[in-house]
Protein backbone atom coordinates (compact mmCIF):
# COMPACT_ATOMS: atom_id res chain seq x y z
CA MET A 1 -10.94 11.86 2.82
CA GLN A 2 -10.84 8.98 0.39
CA TYR A 3 -8.92 5.91 1.49
CA VAL A 4 -7.98 3.68 -1.43
CA TYR A 5 -6.66 0.25 -0.47
CA ILE A 6 -4.65 -1.99 -2.81
CA HIS A 7 -4.24 -5.55 -1.60
CA GLY A 8 -1.33 -7.93 -1.92
CA PHE A 9 -0.80 -11.18 -3.83
CA GLY A 10 -3.11 -14.03 -2.88
CA THR A 11 -5.77 -11.88 -1.19
CA THR A 12 -8.61 -9.59 -2.17
CA GLY A 13 -9.13 -5.97 -1.33
CA ALA A 14 -12.62 -6.01 0.13
CA GLY A 15 -11.92 -9.23 2.03
CA SER A 16 -8.71 -8.00 3.62
CA ASN A 17 -8.68 -7.47 7.38
CA LYS A 18 -6.65 -4.30 6.86
CA PHE A 19 -9.29 -2.94 4.49
CA LYS A 20 -12.09 -3.85 6.92
CA LYS A 21 -10.32 -1.77 9.59
CA ILE A 22 -9.91 1.13 7.18
CA LEU A 23 -13.55 0.86 6.06
CA ALA A 24 -14.83 0.89 9.65
CA HIS A 25 -12.75 3.98 10.41
CA ALA A 26 -13.89 5.71 7.21
CA THR A 27 -17.53 4.93 7.90
CA GLU A 28 -17.27 6.29 11.46
CA ASN A 29 -15.75 9.51 10.11
CA ASN A 30 -17.99 10.12 7.09
CA ALA A 31 -15.13 9.32 4.75
CA LYS A 32 -14.95 7.01 1.76
CA ALA A 33 -13.01 3.74 1.63
CA ILE A 34 -12.45 1.90 -1.64
CA ALA A 35 -10.74 -1.42 -2.24
CA LEU A 36 -9.23 -1.78 -5.69
CA GLU A 37 -9.17 -5.35 -6.99
CA TRP A 38 -6.62 -7.14 -9.14
CA ASN A 39 -5.37 -10.67 -9.71
CA GLU A 40 -2.14 -12.22 -10.89
CA HIS A 41 -3.69 -13.41 -14.18
CA GLN A 42 -4.28 -9.91 -15.53
CA PRO A 43 -1.80 -8.92 -18.25
CA ASP A 44 -1.85 -5.21 -17.27
CA ILE A 45 -2.67 -4.82 -13.60
CA LEU A 46 -1.64 -1.17 -13.46
CA GLU A 47 -4.07 -0.31 -16.26
CA GLN A 48 -6.91 -2.12 -14.46
CA LEU A 49 -6.12 -0.35 -11.18
CA THR A 50 -5.96 3.00 -12.97
CA LEU A 51 -9.40 2.46 -14.50
CA GLN A 52 -10.87 1.50 -11.12
CA LEU A 53 -9.24 4.45 -9.40
CA GLU A 54 -10.46 6.97 -11.96
CA SER A 55 -14.02 5.64 -11.82
CA GLU A 56 -14.20 5.50 -8.00
CA ILE A 57 -12.60 8.67 -6.67
CA ASP A 58 -13.25 12.38 -6.69
CA TRP A 59 -10.01 14.23 -7.50
CA SER A 60 -11.27 17.33 -5.70
CA GLU A 61 -11.23 15.47 -2.36
CA PRO A 62 -8.10 14.36 -0.44
CA ILE A 63 -6.85 10.89 -1.35
CA CYS A 64 -4.67 8.42 0.51
CA LEU A 65 -3.45 5.34 -1.34
CA ILE A 66 -2.70 2.45 1.01
CA GLY A 67 -0.86 -0.48 -0.55
CA SER A 68 -0.03 -3.74 1.17
CA SER A 69 2.78 -6.05 0.03
CA THR A 70 2.50 -6.44 -3.77
CA GLY A 71 -0.24 -3.80 -3.61
CA GLY A 72 2.44 -1.44 -2.31
CA ASN A 73 4.34 -1.90 -5.55
CA PHE A 74 1.28 -0.97 -7.59
CA THR A 75 0.61 1.94 -5.21
CA TYR A 76 3.85 3.70 -6.08
CA GLN A 77 3.34 2.91 -9.75
CA LEU A 78 -0.02 4.71 -9.49
CA LEU A 79 1.70 7.61 -7.72
CA GLU A 80 4.08 7.96 -10.66
CA GLN A 81 1.18 7.86 -13.07
CA PHE A 82 -0.67 10.57 -11.15
CA ALA A 83 2.38 12.65 -10.20
CA ASP A 84 0.45 15.84 -10.90
CA LYS A 85 -2.09 15.07 -8.12
CA LYS A 86 -1.73 15.55 -4.36
CA ILE A 87 -1.96 12.04 -2.97
CA ALA A 88 -0.86 10.82 0.44
CA PHE A 89 0.42 7.27 0.50
CA VAL A 90 1.02 4.49 2.99
CA LEU A 91 2.96 1.35 2.12
CA ILE A 92 2.53 -1.66 4.37
CA ASN A 93 5.34 -4.23 4.12
CA PRO A 94 5.68 -3.35 0.42
CA LEU A 95 7.16 -5.75 -2.10
CA LEU A 96 9.75 -3.68 -3.92
CA ASN A 97 11.42 -6.59 -5.68
CA VAL A 98 10.82 -10.36 -5.73
CA GLU A 99 14.39 -10.76 -4.46
CA GLN A 100 13.30 -9.58 -1.02
CA ARG A 101 10.83 -12.46 -0.63
CA LYS A 102 11.80 -14.92 2.09
CA ILE A 103 9.54 -17.64 0.76
CA ASP A 104 9.70 -19.82 -2.34
CA ASN A 105 9.55 -17.62 -5.43
CA TYR A 106 8.61 -20.56 -7.63
CA ASN A 107 4.98 -19.98 -6.62
CA PHE A 108 5.15 -16.32 -7.60
CA PRO A 109 3.69 -15.95 -11.11
CA MET A 110 6.05 -14.59 -13.76
CA LEU A 111 3.22 -12.57 -15.33
CA LEU A 112 2.91 -10.74 -12.02
CA ALA A 113 6.66 -10.49 -11.35
CA ASN A 114 7.17 -8.86 -14.75
CA GLN A 115 4.68 -6.11 -13.83
CA LEU A 116 6.53 -5.09 -10.68
CA LYS A 117 8.74 -2.02 -10.73
CA ASN A 118 11.38 -0.78 -8.33
CA PRO A 119 10.42 2.54 -6.78
CA SER A 120 11.88 5.74 -8.12
CA GLU A 121 14.49 7.40 -5.95
CA ASP A 122 12.06 10.32 -5.94
CA LEU A 123 9.47 8.35 -3.96
CA ALA A 124 9.10 10.59 -0.94
CA ASN A 125 6.85 11.90 1.80
CA GLY A 126 5.05 8.64 2.41
CA LEU A 127 4.47 6.50 5.46
CA ILE A 128 6.05 3.07 5.35
CA ILE A 129 4.90 0.53 7.95
CA LEU A 130 7.32 -2.37 8.28
CA GLY A 131 6.96 -5.50 10.36
CA GLU A 132 10.26 -6.66 11.80
CA ASN A 133 8.73 -10.14 12.13
CA ASP A 134 7.54 -10.20 8.52
CA GLU A 135 7.71 -13.85 7.53
CA VAL A 136 7.24 -13.11 3.80
CA LEU A 137 9.51 -10.15 3.02
CA ASP A 138 12.84 -8.88 4.29
CA TYR A 139 11.88 -5.56 5.88
CA ASN A 140 15.51 -4.37 5.85
CA TYR A 141 15.44 -4.40 2.04
CA THR A 142 12.62 -1.85 2.05
CA TYR A 143 14.06 0.16 4.91
CA GLN A 144 17.41 0.60 3.15
CA ARG A 145 15.77 1.82 -0.06
CA LEU A 146 13.06 4.10 1.31
CA HIS A 147 14.18 5.48 4.69
CA LYS A 148 15.82 8.67 3.41
CA ASN A 149 12.73 10.42 2.05
CA ASN A 150 9.84 8.76 3.87
CA ARG A 151 8.59 8.27 7.39
CA ILE A 152 9.23 4.66 8.38
CA ILE A 153 7.67 2.99 11.37
CA THR A 154 8.82 -0.48 12.38
CA GLY A 155 7.45 -2.81 15.00
CA LYS A 156 7.37 -6.46 15.99
CA TRP A 157 4.56 -7.10 13.50
CA ASN A 158 4.10 -9.91 11.01
CA HIS A 159 3.47 -9.54 7.28
CA THR A 160 -0.30 -9.12 7.57
CA LEU A 161 -0.05 -6.88 10.65
CA SER A 162 -2.50 -9.25 12.36
CA ASN A 163 -0.62 -8.65 15.62
CA LEU A 164 -0.96 -4.85 15.37
CA GLU A 165 -3.97 -3.55 17.27
CA THR A 166 -6.63 -1.90 15.12
CA ALA A 167 -6.54 1.38 17.04
CA CYS A 168 -2.78 1.65 16.61
CA PHE A 169 -2.97 0.76 12.89
CA ILE A 170 -5.60 3.43 12.23
CA GLU A 171 -3.78 6.00 14.39
CA LEU A 172 -0.54 5.54 12.43
CA ILE A 173 -2.35 6.17 9.16
CA GLN A 174 -4.60 8.97 10.41
CA SER A 175 -1.86 11.00 12.10
CA PHE A 176 0.28 10.71 8.98
CA ILE A 177 -2.59 11.89 6.76
CA GLU A 178 -3.37 14.83 9.05
CA ASN A 179 0.27 15.91 8.96
CA ASN A 180 0.50 15.39 5.19
CA PHE A 181 -2.59 17.38 4.26
CA ASN A 182 -1.88 20.18 6.74
CA LYS A 183 1.38 21.15 4.99
């Protein structure tokens, strides 16, 4: 298994607590964990993520893209780009549209906002983890748009999932992957 993590705005991939949990799990299970990196100053983030993805993964091995917040937006853009590949995906409190932000959008860079894309209605068969206590994004916005064709799990978590125990976080992802790749 190859776990590919895409971080959100204002963080880094390798430095993310979520990625560190994924990396520890991957290491314990002889799997590979990769953190793709991007920043809001890049004029074509999707292109940069595509180049990183293609240079880091082995298409003959199972892949799970895991995108958090803004990284969730780029995750489903990558899924569209690689629609011919079998890729499991997990979105964690994904930013579908800047309108769902609860905080001041004036600090959200226009260069980044212009690279976001609403998910296709065909986005299906993924795991969506939503924190009901997300202080950054309105989780109902995501739920309403993605609940029909995806597995959605909600809990009393915050935006970063810092109040979700590591074992539970990993179990949610791992059980979803096992079910997805056993179809």
